[in-house]
mmCIF file of all heavy atoms, coordinates in Angstrom:
data_MODEL
# 
_entry.id   MODEL 
# 
loop_
_atom_site.group_PDB 
_atom_site.id 
_atom_site.type_symbol 
_atom_site.label_atom_id 
_atom_site.label_alt_id 
_atom_site.label_comp_id 
_atom_site.label_asym_id 
_atom_site.label_entity_id 
_atom_site.label_seq_id 
_atom_site.pdbx_PDB_ins_code 
_atom_site.Cartn_x 
_atom_site.Cartn_y 
_atom_site.Cartn_z 
_atom_site.occupancy 
_atom_site.B_iso_or_equiv 
_atom_site.pdbx_formal_charge 
_atom_site.auth_seq_id 
_atom_site.auth_comp_id 
_atom_site.auth_asym_id 
_atom_site.auth_atom_id 
_atom_site.pdbx_PDB_model_num 
ATOM 1   N N   . PHE A 1 1  ? 53.860 -27.030 36.234 1.00 0.00 ? 1  PHE A N   1 
ATOM 2   C CA  . PHE A 1 1  ? 53.937 -26.080 37.259 1.00 0.00 ? 1  PHE A CA  1 
ATOM 3   C C   . PHE A 1 1  ? 53.627 -26.638 38.653 1.00 0.00 ? 1  PHE A C   1 
ATOM 4   O O   . PHE A 1 1  ? 53.886 -25.992 39.640 1.00 0.00 ? 1  PHE A O   1 
ATOM 5   C CB  . PHE A 1 1  ? 52.938 -24.940 36.996 1.00 0.00 ? 1  PHE A CB  1 
ATOM 6   C CG  . PHE A 1 1  ? 53.329 -24.026 35.855 1.00 0.00 ? 1  PHE A CG  1 
ATOM 7   C CD1 . PHE A 1 1  ? 52.580 -23.952 34.670 1.00 0.00 ? 1  PHE A CD1 1 
ATOM 8   C CD2 . PHE A 1 1  ? 54.493 -23.260 35.906 1.00 0.00 ? 1  PHE A CD2 1 
ATOM 9   C CE1 . PHE A 1 1  ? 52.968 -23.142 33.625 1.00 0.00 ? 1  PHE A CE1 1 
ATOM 10  C CE2 . PHE A 1 1  ? 54.850 -22.409 34.835 1.00 0.00 ? 1  PHE A CE2 1 
ATOM 11  C CZ  . PHE A 1 1  ? 54.118 -22.418 33.740 1.00 0.00 ? 1  PHE A CZ  1 
ATOM 12  N N   . GLU A 1 2  ? 53.133 -27.913 38.729 1.00 0.00 ? 2  GLU A N   1 
ATOM 13  C CA  . GLU A 1 2  ? 52.913 -28.534 40.021 1.00 0.00 ? 2  GLU A CA  1 
ATOM 14  C C   . GLU A 1 2  ? 54.185 -28.701 40.788 1.00 0.00 ? 2  GLU A C   1 
ATOM 15  O O   . GLU A 1 2  ? 54.215 -28.881 42.001 1.00 0.00 ? 2  GLU A O   1 
ATOM 16  C CB  . GLU A 1 2  ? 52.181 -29.857 39.794 1.00 0.00 ? 2  GLU A CB  1 
ATOM 17  C CG  . GLU A 1 2  ? 50.689 -29.711 39.403 1.00 0.00 ? 2  GLU A CG  1 
ATOM 18  C CD  . GLU A 1 2  ? 50.077 -31.057 39.162 1.00 0.00 ? 2  GLU A CD  1 
ATOM 19  O OE1 . GLU A 1 2  ? 50.778 -32.097 39.255 1.00 0.00 ? 2  GLU A OE1 1 
ATOM 20  O OE2 . GLU A 1 2  ? 48.864 -31.064 38.874 1.00 0.00 ? 2  GLU A OE2 1 
ATOM 21  N N   . SER A 1 3  ? 55.338 -28.716 40.014 1.00 0.00 ? 3  SER A N   1 
ATOM 22  C CA  . SER A 1 3  ? 56.629 -28.860 40.687 1.00 0.00 ? 3  SER A CA  1 
ATOM 23  C C   . SER A 1 3  ? 56.941 -27.663 41.668 1.00 0.00 ? 3  SER A C   1 
ATOM 24  O O   . SER A 1 3  ? 57.889 -27.801 42.511 1.00 0.00 ? 3  SER A O   1 
ATOM 25  C CB  . SER A 1 3  ? 57.706 -28.952 39.649 1.00 0.00 ? 3  SER A CB  1 
ATOM 26  O OG  . SER A 1 3  ? 57.889 -27.705 38.943 1.00 0.00 ? 3  SER A OG  1 
ATOM 27  N N   . ARG A 1 4  ? 56.203 -26.576 41.651 1.00 0.00 ? 4  ARG A N   1 
ATOM 28  C CA  . ARG A 1 4  ? 56.472 -25.525 42.465 1.00 0.00 ? 4  ARG A CA  1 
ATOM 29  C C   . ARG A 1 4  ? 55.767 -25.629 43.897 1.00 0.00 ? 4  ARG A C   1 
ATOM 30  O O   . ARG A 1 4  ? 55.931 -24.748 44.725 1.00 0.00 ? 4  ARG A O   1 
ATOM 31  C CB  . ARG A 1 4  ? 55.895 -24.174 41.831 1.00 0.00 ? 4  ARG A CB  1 
ATOM 32  C CG  . ARG A 1 4  ? 56.516 -24.000 40.460 1.00 0.00 ? 4  ARG A CG  1 
ATOM 33  C CD  . ARG A 1 4  ? 57.983 -23.514 40.540 1.00 0.00 ? 4  ARG A CD  1 
ATOM 34  N NE  . ARG A 1 4  ? 58.663 -23.592 39.266 1.00 0.00 ? 4  ARG A NE  1 
ATOM 35  C CZ  . ARG A 1 4  ? 59.657 -22.784 38.962 1.00 0.00 ? 4  ARG A CZ  1 
ATOM 36  N NH1 . ARG A 1 4  ? 59.989 -21.794 39.713 1.00 0.00 ? 4  ARG A NH1 1 
ATOM 37  N NH2 . ARG A 1 4  ? 60.269 -22.928 37.781 1.00 0.00 ? 4  ARG A NH2 1 
ATOM 38  N N   . GLY A 1 5  ? 55.050 -26.715 44.110 1.00 0.00 ? 5  GLY A N   1 
ATOM 39  C CA  . GLY A 1 5  ? 54.627 -26.998 45.436 1.00 0.00 ? 5  GLY A CA  1 
ATOM 40  C C   . GLY A 1 5  ? 53.321 -26.455 45.872 1.00 0.00 ? 5  GLY A C   1 
ATOM 41  O O   . GLY A 1 5  ? 52.973 -26.667 47.071 1.00 0.00 ? 5  GLY A O   1 
ATOM 42  N N   . TRP A 1 6  ? 52.467 -25.964 45.047 1.00 0.00 ? 6  TRP A N   1 
ATOM 43  C CA  . TRP A 1 6  ? 51.153 -25.425 45.416 1.00 0.00 ? 6  TRP A CA  1 
ATOM 44  C C   . TRP A 1 6  ? 50.119 -26.534 45.432 1.00 0.00 ? 6  TRP A C   1 
ATOM 45  O O   . TRP A 1 6  ? 50.167 -27.423 44.615 1.00 0.00 ? 6  TRP A O   1 
ATOM 46  C CB  . TRP A 1 6  ? 50.739 -24.331 44.510 1.00 0.00 ? 6  TRP A CB  1 
ATOM 47  C CG  . TRP A 1 6  ? 51.662 -23.122 44.462 1.00 0.00 ? 6  TRP A CG  1 
ATOM 48  C CD1 . TRP A 1 6  ? 52.637 -22.898 43.495 1.00 0.00 ? 6  TRP A CD1 1 
ATOM 49  C CD2 . TRP A 1 6  ? 51.791 -22.102 45.398 1.00 0.00 ? 6  TRP A CD2 1 
ATOM 50  N NE1 . TRP A 1 6  ? 53.310 -21.759 43.823 1.00 0.00 ? 6  TRP A NE1 1 
ATOM 51  C CE2 . TRP A 1 6  ? 52.847 -21.251 45.004 1.00 0.00 ? 6  TRP A CE2 1 
ATOM 52  C CE3 . TRP A 1 6  ? 51.094 -21.782 46.592 1.00 0.00 ? 6  TRP A CE3 1 
ATOM 53  C CZ2 . TRP A 1 6  ? 53.200 -20.119 45.720 1.00 0.00 ? 6  TRP A CZ2 1 
ATOM 54  C CZ3 . TRP A 1 6  ? 51.459 -20.684 47.309 1.00 0.00 ? 6  TRP A CZ3 1 
ATOM 55  C CH2 . TRP A 1 6  ? 52.507 -19.821 46.909 1.00 0.00 ? 6  TRP A CH2 1 
ATOM 56  N N   . SER A 1 7  ? 49.279 -26.541 46.340 1.00 0.00 ? 7  SER A N   1 
ATOM 57  C CA  . SER A 1 7  ? 48.227 -27.558 46.471 1.00 0.00 ? 7  SER A CA  1 
ATOM 58  C C   . SER A 1 7  ? 47.133 -27.293 45.436 1.00 0.00 ? 7  SER A C   1 
ATOM 59  O O   . SER A 1 7  ? 46.988 -26.217 44.859 1.00 0.00 ? 7  SER A O   1 
ATOM 60  C CB  . SER A 1 7  ? 47.587 -27.543 47.860 1.00 0.00 ? 7  SER A CB  1 
ATOM 61  O OG  . SER A 1 7  ? 46.733 -26.339 48.015 1.00 0.00 ? 7  SER A OG  1 
ATOM 62  N N   . ARG A 1 8  ? 46.331 -28.344 45.156 1.00 0.00 ? 8  ARG A N   1 
ATOM 63  C CA  . ARG A 1 8  ? 45.240 -28.205 44.204 1.00 0.00 ? 8  ARG A CA  1 
ATOM 64  C C   . ARG A 1 8  ? 44.201 -27.176 44.670 1.00 0.00 ? 8  ARG A C   1 
ATOM 65  O O   . ARG A 1 8  ? 43.676 -26.422 43.875 1.00 0.00 ? 8  ARG A O   1 
ATOM 66  C CB  . ARG A 1 8  ? 44.533 -29.545 44.037 1.00 0.00 ? 8  ARG A CB  1 
ATOM 67  C CG  . ARG A 1 8  ? 45.363 -30.534 43.327 1.00 0.00 ? 8  ARG A CG  1 
ATOM 68  C CD  . ARG A 1 8  ? 44.570 -31.816 42.976 1.00 0.00 ? 8  ARG A CD  1 
ATOM 69  N NE  . ARG A 1 8  ? 45.407 -32.747 42.235 1.00 0.00 ? 8  ARG A NE  1 
ATOM 70  C CZ  . ARG A 1 8  ? 44.951 -33.896 41.757 1.00 0.00 ? 8  ARG A CZ  1 
ATOM 71  N NH1 . ARG A 1 8  ? 43.639 -34.280 41.974 1.00 0.00 ? 8  ARG A NH1 1 
ATOM 72  N NH2 . ARG A 1 8  ? 45.770 -34.724 41.035 1.00 0.00 ? 8  ARG A NH2 1 
ATOM 73  N N   . GLN A 1 9  ? 44.023 -27.106 46.007 1.00 0.00 ? 9  GLN A N   1 
ATOM 74  C CA  . GLN A 1 9  ? 43.098 -26.065 46.539 1.00 0.00 ? 9  GLN A CA  1 
ATOM 75  C C   . GLN A 1 9  ? 43.650 -24.629 46.298 1.00 0.00 ? 9  GLN A C   1 
ATOM 76  O O   . GLN A 1 9  ? 42.877 -23.694 45.917 1.00 0.00 ? 9  GLN A O   1 
ATOM 77  C CB  . GLN A 1 9  ? 42.923 -26.306 48.056 1.00 0.00 ? 9  GLN A CB  1 
ATOM 78  C CG  . GLN A 1 9  ? 42.184 -27.553 48.395 1.00 0.00 ? 9  GLN A CG  1 
ATOM 79  C CD  . GLN A 1 9  ? 43.047 -28.859 48.347 1.00 0.00 ? 9  GLN A CD  1 
ATOM 80  O OE1 . GLN A 1 9  ? 44.264 -28.716 48.209 1.00 0.00 ? 9  GLN A OE1 1 
ATOM 81  N NE2 . GLN A 1 9  ? 42.390 -29.985 48.470 1.00 0.00 ? 9  GLN A NE2 1 
ATOM 82  N N   . GLU A 1 10 ? 44.991 -24.450 46.465 1.00 0.00 ? 10 GLU A N   1 
ATOM 83  C CA  . GLU A 1 10 ? 45.565 -23.133 46.207 1.00 0.00 ? 10 GLU A CA  1 
ATOM 84  C C   . GLU A 1 10 ? 45.514 -22.770 44.747 1.00 0.00 ? 10 GLU A C   1 
ATOM 85  O O   . GLU A 1 10 ? 45.280 -21.580 44.412 1.00 0.00 ? 10 GLU A O   1 
ATOM 86  C CB  . GLU A 1 10 ? 47.004 -23.146 46.709 1.00 0.00 ? 10 GLU A CB  1 
ATOM 87  C CG  . GLU A 1 10 ? 47.095 -23.181 48.246 1.00 0.00 ? 10 GLU A CG  1 
ATOM 88  C CD  . GLU A 1 10 ? 48.509 -23.438 48.745 1.00 0.00 ? 10 GLU A CD  1 
ATOM 89  O OE1 . GLU A 1 10 ? 49.228 -24.244 48.072 1.00 0.00 ? 10 GLU A OE1 1 
ATOM 90  O OE2 . GLU A 1 10 ? 48.899 -22.910 49.778 1.00 0.00 ? 10 GLU A OE2 1 
ATOM 91  N N   . TRP A 1 11 ? 45.746 -23.724 43.888 1.00 0.00 ? 11 TRP A N   1 
ATOM 92  C CA  . TRP A 1 11 ? 45.732 -23.612 42.436 1.00 0.00 ? 11 TRP A CA  1 
ATOM 93  C C   . TRP A 1 11 ? 44.199 -23.126 42.018 1.00 0.00 ? 11 TRP A C   1 
ATOM 94  O O   . TRP A 1 11 ? 44.031 -22.244 41.280 1.00 0.00 ? 11 TRP A O   1 
ATOM 95  C CB  . TRP A 1 11 ? 46.126 -24.836 41.758 1.00 0.00 ? 11 TRP A CB  1 
ATOM 96  C CG  . TRP A 1 11 ? 46.345 -24.705 40.268 1.00 0.00 ? 11 TRP A CG  1 
ATOM 97  C CD1 . TRP A 1 11 ? 45.420 -24.845 39.267 1.00 0.00 ? 11 TRP A CD1 1 
ATOM 98  C CD2 . TRP A 1 11 ? 47.501 -24.305 39.524 1.00 0.00 ? 11 TRP A CD2 1 
ATOM 99  N NE1 . TRP A 1 11 ? 45.938 -24.612 38.012 1.00 0.00 ? 11 TRP A NE1 1 
ATOM 100 C CE2 . TRP A 1 11 ? 47.254 -24.272 38.149 1.00 0.00 ? 11 TRP A CE2 1 
ATOM 101 C CE3 . TRP A 1 11 ? 48.854 -24.061 39.942 1.00 0.00 ? 11 TRP A CE3 1 
ATOM 102 C CZ2 . TRP A 1 11 ? 48.212 -23.996 37.177 1.00 0.00 ? 11 TRP A CZ2 1 
ATOM 103 C CZ3 . TRP A 1 11 ? 49.824 -23.728 39.040 1.00 0.00 ? 11 TRP A CZ3 1 
ATOM 104 C CH2 . TRP A 1 11 ? 49.471 -23.722 37.627 1.00 0.00 ? 11 TRP A CH2 1 
ATOM 105 N N   . ALA A 1 12 ? 43.268 -23.902 42.629 1.00 0.00 ? 12 ALA A N   1 
ATOM 106 C CA  . ALA A 1 12 ? 41.841 -23.600 42.269 1.00 0.00 ? 12 ALA A CA  1 
ATOM 107 C C   . ALA A 1 12 ? 41.442 -22.283 42.721 1.00 0.00 ? 12 ALA A C   1 
ATOM 108 O O   . ALA A 1 12 ? 40.752 -21.527 42.061 1.00 0.00 ? 12 ALA A O   1 
ATOM 109 C CB  . ALA A 1 12 ? 40.966 -24.688 42.863 1.00 0.00 ? 12 ALA A CB  1 
ATOM 110 N N   . ALA A 1 13 ? 41.901 -21.880 43.872 1.00 0.00 ? 13 ALA A N   1 
ATOM 111 C CA  . ALA A 1 13 ? 41.591 -20.578 44.477 1.00 0.00 ? 13 ALA A CA  1 
ATOM 112 C C   . ALA A 1 13 ? 42.159 -19.428 43.627 1.00 0.00 ? 13 ALA A C   1 
ATOM 113 O O   . ALA A 1 13 ? 41.533 -18.401 43.380 1.00 0.00 ? 13 ALA A O   1 
ATOM 114 C CB  . ALA A 1 13 ? 42.022 -20.401 45.876 1.00 0.00 ? 13 ALA A CB  1 
ATOM 115 N N   . ALA A 1 14 ? 43.349 -19.675 43.118 1.00 0.00 ? 14 ALA A N   1 
ATOM 116 C CA  . ALA A 1 14 ? 44.003 -18.659 42.252 1.00 0.00 ? 14 ALA A CA  1 
ATOM 117 C C   . ALA A 1 14 ? 43.201 -18.567 40.949 1.00 0.00 ? 14 ALA A C   1 
ATOM 118 O O   . ALA A 1 14 ? 42.998 -17.439 40.423 1.00 0.00 ? 14 ALA A O   1 
ATOM 119 C CB  . ALA A 1 14 ? 45.472 -19.049 41.991 1.00 0.00 ? 14 ALA A CB  1 
ATOM 120 N N   . ARG A 1 15 ? 42.745 -19.691 40.428 1.00 0.00 ? 15 ARG A N   1 
ATOM 121 C CA  . ARG A 1 15 ? 41.885 -19.652 39.232 1.00 0.00 ? 15 ARG A CA  1 
ATOM 122 C C   . ARG A 1 15 ? 40.600 -18.809 39.479 1.00 0.00 ? 15 ARG A C   1 
ATOM 123 O O   . ARG A 1 15 ? 40.246 -18.010 38.584 1.00 0.00 ? 15 ARG A O   1 
ATOM 124 C CB  . ARG A 1 15 ? 41.468 -21.060 38.854 1.00 0.00 ? 15 ARG A CB  1 
ATOM 125 C CG  . ARG A 1 15 ? 42.432 -21.781 37.906 1.00 0.00 ? 15 ARG A CG  1 
ATOM 126 C CD  . ARG A 1 15 ? 41.742 -23.037 37.340 1.00 0.00 ? 15 ARG A CD  1 
ATOM 127 N NE  . ARG A 1 15 ? 42.542 -23.616 36.338 1.00 0.00 ? 15 ARG A NE  1 
ATOM 128 C CZ  . ARG A 1 15 ? 42.128 -24.673 35.588 1.00 0.00 ? 15 ARG A CZ  1 
ATOM 129 N NH1 . ARG A 1 15 ? 40.869 -25.106 35.752 1.00 0.00 ? 15 ARG A NH1 1 
ATOM 130 N NH2 . ARG A 1 15 ? 42.871 -25.191 34.634 1.00 0.00 ? 15 ARG A NH2 1 
ATOM 131 N N   . GLU A 1 16 ? 40.025 -18.965 40.612 1.00 0.00 ? 16 GLU A N   1 
ATOM 132 C CA  . GLU A 1 16 ? 38.831 -18.204 40.871 1.00 0.00 ? 16 GLU A CA  1 
ATOM 133 C C   . GLU A 1 16 ? 39.116 -16.690 41.001 1.00 0.00 ? 16 GLU A C   1 
ATOM 134 O O   . GLU A 1 16 ? 38.324 -15.950 40.454 1.00 0.00 ? 16 GLU A O   1 
ATOM 135 C CB  . GLU A 1 16 ? 38.257 -18.755 42.244 1.00 0.00 ? 16 GLU A CB  1 
ATOM 136 C CG  . GLU A 1 16 ? 37.639 -20.128 42.178 1.00 0.00 ? 16 GLU A CG  1 
ATOM 137 C CD  . GLU A 1 16 ? 37.065 -20.550 43.491 1.00 0.00 ? 16 GLU A CD  1 
ATOM 138 O OE1 . GLU A 1 16 ? 37.052 -19.747 44.474 1.00 0.00 ? 16 GLU A OE1 1 
ATOM 139 O OE2 . GLU A 1 16 ? 36.625 -21.699 43.554 1.00 0.00 ? 16 GLU A OE2 1 
ATOM 140 N N   . ARG A 1 17 ? 40.233 -16.340 41.544 1.00 0.00 ? 17 ARG A N   1 
ATOM 141 C CA  . ARG A 1 17 ? 40.581 -14.937 41.661 1.00 0.00 ? 17 ARG A CA  1 
ATOM 142 C C   . ARG A 1 17 ? 40.822 -14.395 40.274 1.00 0.00 ? 17 ARG A C   1 
ATOM 143 O O   . ARG A 1 17 ? 40.403 -13.195 39.933 1.00 0.00 ? 17 ARG A O   1 
ATOM 144 C CB  . ARG A 1 17 ? 41.830 -14.728 42.515 1.00 0.00 ? 17 ARG A CB  1 
ATOM 145 C CG  . ARG A 1 17 ? 41.603 -15.104 44.005 1.00 0.00 ? 17 ARG A CG  1 
ATOM 146 C CD  . ARG A 1 17 ? 42.727 -14.605 44.890 1.00 0.00 ? 17 ARG A CD  1 
ATOM 147 N NE  . ARG A 1 17 ? 44.034 -15.182 44.543 1.00 0.00 ? 17 ARG A NE  1 
ATOM 148 C CZ  . ARG A 1 17 ? 44.482 -16.310 45.007 1.00 0.00 ? 17 ARG A CZ  1 
ATOM 149 N NH1 . ARG A 1 17 ? 43.718 -17.047 45.873 1.00 0.00 ? 17 ARG A NH1 1 
ATOM 150 N NH2 . ARG A 1 17 ? 45.725 -16.740 44.675 1.00 0.00 ? 17 ARG A NH2 1 
ATOM 151 N N   . LEU A 1 18 ? 41.491 -15.101 39.438 1.00 0.00 ? 18 LEU A N   1 
ATOM 152 C CA  . LEU A 1 18 ? 41.805 -14.607 38.071 1.00 0.00 ? 18 LEU A CA  1 
ATOM 153 C C   . LEU A 1 18 ? 40.550 -14.538 37.243 1.00 0.00 ? 18 LEU A C   1 
ATOM 154 O O   . LEU A 1 18 ? 40.334 -13.635 36.426 1.00 0.00 ? 18 LEU A O   1 
ATOM 155 C CB  . LEU A 1 18 ? 42.849 -15.519 37.429 1.00 0.00 ? 18 LEU A CB  1 
ATOM 156 C CG  . LEU A 1 18 ? 44.270 -15.453 38.033 1.00 0.00 ? 18 LEU A CG  1 
ATOM 157 C CD1 . LEU A 1 18 ? 45.127 -16.455 37.382 1.00 0.00 ? 18 LEU A CD1 1 
ATOM 158 C CD2 . LEU A 1 18 ? 44.859 -14.053 37.964 1.00 0.00 ? 18 LEU A CD2 1 
ATOM 159 N N   . SER A 1 19 ? 39.640 -15.559 37.435 1.00 0.00 ? 19 SER A N   1 
ATOM 160 C CA  . SER A 1 19 ? 38.410 -15.569 36.712 1.00 0.00 ? 19 SER A CA  1 
ATOM 161 C C   . SER A 1 19 ? 37.530 -14.316 37.105 1.00 0.00 ? 19 SER A C   1 
ATOM 162 O O   . SER A 1 19 ? 36.927 -13.657 36.273 1.00 0.00 ? 19 SER A O   1 
ATOM 163 C CB  . SER A 1 19 ? 37.627 -16.836 37.028 1.00 0.00 ? 19 SER A CB  1 
ATOM 164 O OG  . SER A 1 19 ? 38.292 -17.958 36.452 1.00 0.00 ? 19 SER A OG  1 
ATOM 165 N N   . ALA A 1 20 ? 37.603 -13.984 38.348 1.00 0.00 ? 20 ALA A N   1 
ATOM 166 C CA  . ALA A 1 20 ? 36.829 -12.805 38.818 1.00 0.00 ? 20 ALA A CA  1 
ATOM 167 C C   . ALA A 1 20 ? 37.308 -11.540 38.238 1.00 0.00 ? 20 ALA A C   1 
ATOM 168 O O   . ALA A 1 20 ? 36.599 -10.537 38.070 1.00 0.00 ? 20 ALA A O   1 
ATOM 169 C CB  . ALA A 1 20 ? 36.879 -12.744 40.351 1.00 0.00 ? 20 ALA A CB  1 
ATOM 170 N N   . ARG A 1 21 ? 38.653 -11.498 37.856 1.00 0.00 ? 21 ARG A N   1 
ATOM 171 C CA  . ARG A 1 21 ? 39.217 -10.337 37.163 1.00 0.00 ? 21 ARG A CA  1 
ATOM 172 C C   . ARG A 1 21 ? 38.964 -10.385 35.667 1.00 0.00 ? 21 ARG A C   1 
ATOM 173 O O   . ARG A 1 21 ? 39.452 -9.423  34.974 1.00 0.00 ? 21 ARG A O   1 
ATOM 174 C CB  . ARG A 1 21 ? 40.718 -10.292 37.429 1.00 0.00 ? 21 ARG A CB  1 
ATOM 175 C CG  . ARG A 1 21 ? 41.060 -9.997  38.890 1.00 0.00 ? 21 ARG A CG  1 
ATOM 176 C CD  . ARG A 1 21 ? 42.567 -10.095 39.195 1.00 0.00 ? 21 ARG A CD  1 
ATOM 177 N NE  . ARG A 1 21 ? 43.371 -9.231  38.338 1.00 0.00 ? 21 ARG A NE  1 
ATOM 178 C CZ  . ARG A 1 21 ? 44.676 -9.174  38.366 1.00 0.00 ? 21 ARG A CZ  1 
ATOM 179 N NH1 . ARG A 1 21 ? 45.360 -10.065 39.153 1.00 0.00 ? 21 ARG A NH1 1 
ATOM 180 N NH2 . ARG A 1 21 ? 45.365 -8.399  37.574 1.00 0.00 ? 21 ARG A NH2 1 
ATOM 181 N N   . GLY A 1 22 ? 38.289 -11.397 35.145 1.00 0.00 ? 22 GLY A N   1 
ATOM 182 C CA  . GLY A 1 22 ? 38.062 -11.528 33.750 1.00 0.00 ? 22 GLY A CA  1 
ATOM 183 C C   . GLY A 1 22 ? 39.249 -12.029 32.922 1.00 0.00 ? 22 GLY A C   1 
ATOM 184 O O   . GLY A 1 22 ? 39.371 -11.807 31.723 1.00 0.00 ? 22 GLY A O   1 
ATOM 185 N N   . LEU A 1 23 ? 40.215 -12.677 33.672 1.00 0.00 ? 23 LEU A N   1 
ATOM 186 C CA  . LEU A 1 23 ? 41.410 -13.128 32.906 1.00 0.00 ? 23 LEU A CA  1 
ATOM 187 C C   . LEU A 1 23 ? 41.435 -14.605 32.573 1.00 0.00 ? 23 LEU A C   1 
ATOM 188 O O   . LEU A 1 23 ? 42.280 -15.012 31.748 1.00 0.00 ? 23 LEU A O   1 
ATOM 189 C CB  . LEU A 1 23 ? 42.625 -12.849 33.936 1.00 0.00 ? 23 LEU A CB  1 
ATOM 190 C CG  . LEU A 1 23 ? 42.799 -11.444 34.424 1.00 0.00 ? 23 LEU A CG  1 
ATOM 191 C CD1 . LEU A 1 23 ? 43.902 -11.352 35.361 1.00 0.00 ? 23 LEU A CD1 1 
ATOM 192 C CD2 . LEU A 1 23 ? 43.070 -10.493 33.211 1.00 0.00 ? 23 LEU A CD2 1 
ATOM 193 N N   . LEU A 1 24 ? 40.450 -15.346 33.047 1.00 0.00 ? 24 LEU A N   1 
ATOM 194 C CA  . LEU A 1 24 ? 40.402 -16.844 32.692 1.00 0.00 ? 24 LEU A CA  1 
ATOM 195 C C   . LEU A 1 24 ? 39.009 -17.237 32.197 1.00 0.00 ? 24 LEU A C   1 
ATOM 196 O O   . LEU A 1 24 ? 37.983 -16.667 32.707 1.00 0.00 ? 24 LEU A O   1 
ATOM 197 C CB  . LEU A 1 24 ? 40.758 -17.687 33.899 1.00 0.00 ? 24 LEU A CB  1 
ATOM 198 C CG  . LEU A 1 24 ? 42.188 -17.741 34.466 1.00 0.00 ? 24 LEU A CG  1 
ATOM 199 C CD1 . LEU A 1 24 ? 42.223 -18.822 35.484 1.00 0.00 ? 24 LEU A CD1 1 
ATOM 200 C CD2 . LEU A 1 24 ? 43.202 -17.935 33.348 1.00 0.00 ? 24 LEU A CD2 1 
ATOM 201 N N   . GLU A 1 25 ? 38.986 -18.119 31.231 1.00 0.00 ? 25 GLU A N   1 
ATOM 202 C CA  . GLU A 1 25 ? 37.758 -18.745 30.801 1.00 0.00 ? 25 GLU A CA  1 
ATOM 203 C C   . GLU A 1 25 ? 37.396 -19.820 31.786 1.00 0.00 ? 25 GLU A C   1 
ATOM 204 O O   . GLU A 1 25 ? 38.254 -20.259 32.613 1.00 0.00 ? 25 GLU A O   1 
ATOM 205 C CB  . GLU A 1 25 ? 37.901 -19.378 29.367 1.00 0.00 ? 25 GLU A CB  1 
ATOM 206 C CG  . GLU A 1 25 ? 38.365 -18.361 28.286 1.00 0.00 ? 25 GLU A CG  1 
ATOM 207 C CD  . GLU A 1 25 ? 37.178 -17.506 27.830 1.00 0.00 ? 25 GLU A CD  1 
ATOM 208 O OE1 . GLU A 1 25 ? 36.104 -17.602 28.401 1.00 0.00 ? 25 GLU A OE1 1 
ATOM 209 O OE2 . GLU A 1 25 ? 37.395 -16.671 26.912 1.00 0.00 ? 25 GLU A OE2 1 
ATOM 210 N N   . PRO A 1 26 ? 36.116 -20.313 31.707 1.00 0.00 ? 26 PRO A N   1 
ATOM 211 C CA  . PRO A 1 26 ? 35.733 -21.370 32.662 1.00 0.00 ? 26 PRO A CA  1 
ATOM 212 C C   . PRO A 1 26 ? 36.622 -22.619 32.573 1.00 0.00 ? 26 PRO A C   1 
ATOM 213 O O   . PRO A 1 26 ? 36.792 -23.412 33.542 1.00 0.00 ? 26 PRO A O   1 
ATOM 214 C CB  . PRO A 1 26 ? 34.264 -21.710 32.246 1.00 0.00 ? 26 PRO A CB  1 
ATOM 215 C CG  . PRO A 1 26 ? 33.830 -20.391 31.689 1.00 0.00 ? 26 PRO A CG  1 
ATOM 216 C CD  . PRO A 1 26 ? 34.964 -19.782 30.993 1.00 0.00 ? 26 PRO A CD  1 
# 
C-alpha cells in the first residue's frame, strides 16, 4: 500500500484514528 504515496507520518496518524475508534489492535 506504500505505492499509494502516503507518508509514514500520515499512515501512523491514520492508525491512531482507527485505534481510537476501536478498529485496530496495538
